[in-house]
Amino acid sequence: MSRVVVVSGGGTGIGRAVAERFAQDADEVVVIGRRADVLDRAAAEITDAGAPAKVVAVTADLSDPAEADRVRTVLGERYGRVDVLVHSAGGNAALGAPASQGSPAAQAAAHWTENFRSNVLTTVLLTEALRDLFTAPGGRIVLLSSIAAYRGSGSGSYAGAKAALHPYAYDLAAALGGQGVTVNVVAPGYIADTEFFRGALSAEREQLLIAQTSTGRAGIPQDVAETVHWLASPSAGQITGQIIQVNGGAERGR
């Protein structure tokens, strides 16, 4: 029986790789994001590449409670359940954005607020909106964090936002574990071929990030997708409340 797999941020990068991986299993995959053109193109391309089931795109700003509730209505009416929920929406608002205006406090407020909105609220609001749809037992929830949650992100706001997901996942795992629903976090290191750095990553910085790994290479979206896919499998049914790092051994690097 195919599963209903919901992937936020499924239009590009890691989210798209996750959607592609589940689509290979003939699961019914729903990708959610803010950019309709990007989302529709990803859904069409994954489907046209041979996915056994059509990938469905739902456009929504998941930092808005009303939008999260609308997604719940759409999924509830169409499927009546959610088997797997993967949160890949987010990013570092400080990267590639216009310089914030005002005092240092005002600039910090802008970065912290936006990173909280795009990384924490998008995860929490969708999860809570879909809570009564999770398949029990057997439901799987996977949150995407970052190596930055362990060692900082330069400005602090992105790292702080990702770190906030960890206790949320612990609490959610405890609350849903009795129903047979698992909740885990995947924290990637440097992953190439994504929009994360928005063209601002220099060749020198990229080489430094690669040099910090034990594997001697950058991660790719498929590395994360395979980890997420395993966490969502029946084989991982006794794994919950955990943070799985996918960084080639780079956590302790500079």
Foldseek 3Di string as FASTA:
>chain_A
DAFEEEFEVCLWFLNVLLQLVSLQVLHAYEYEEADPVSQVVSQVVSVVVPRNDRYHYDYFQQLDLVRLLVVLVVCCVPPVAHQEYEYDWAAQCVAPHPQDDDDPVRSLCVRLVRRLSGQPSSQVSNCVSRVVRYDFAQHEYEYEAALCLQPHDVSRRNNVNRVVVLVVQLVVQVVCVVRNYAYEYEYEYAEPRTCRNVPVQDPVNVCLLLVLAPVSDGHHSNQVSVVSVVCSDPVVSVDHSYYHYHRRNNSPPD
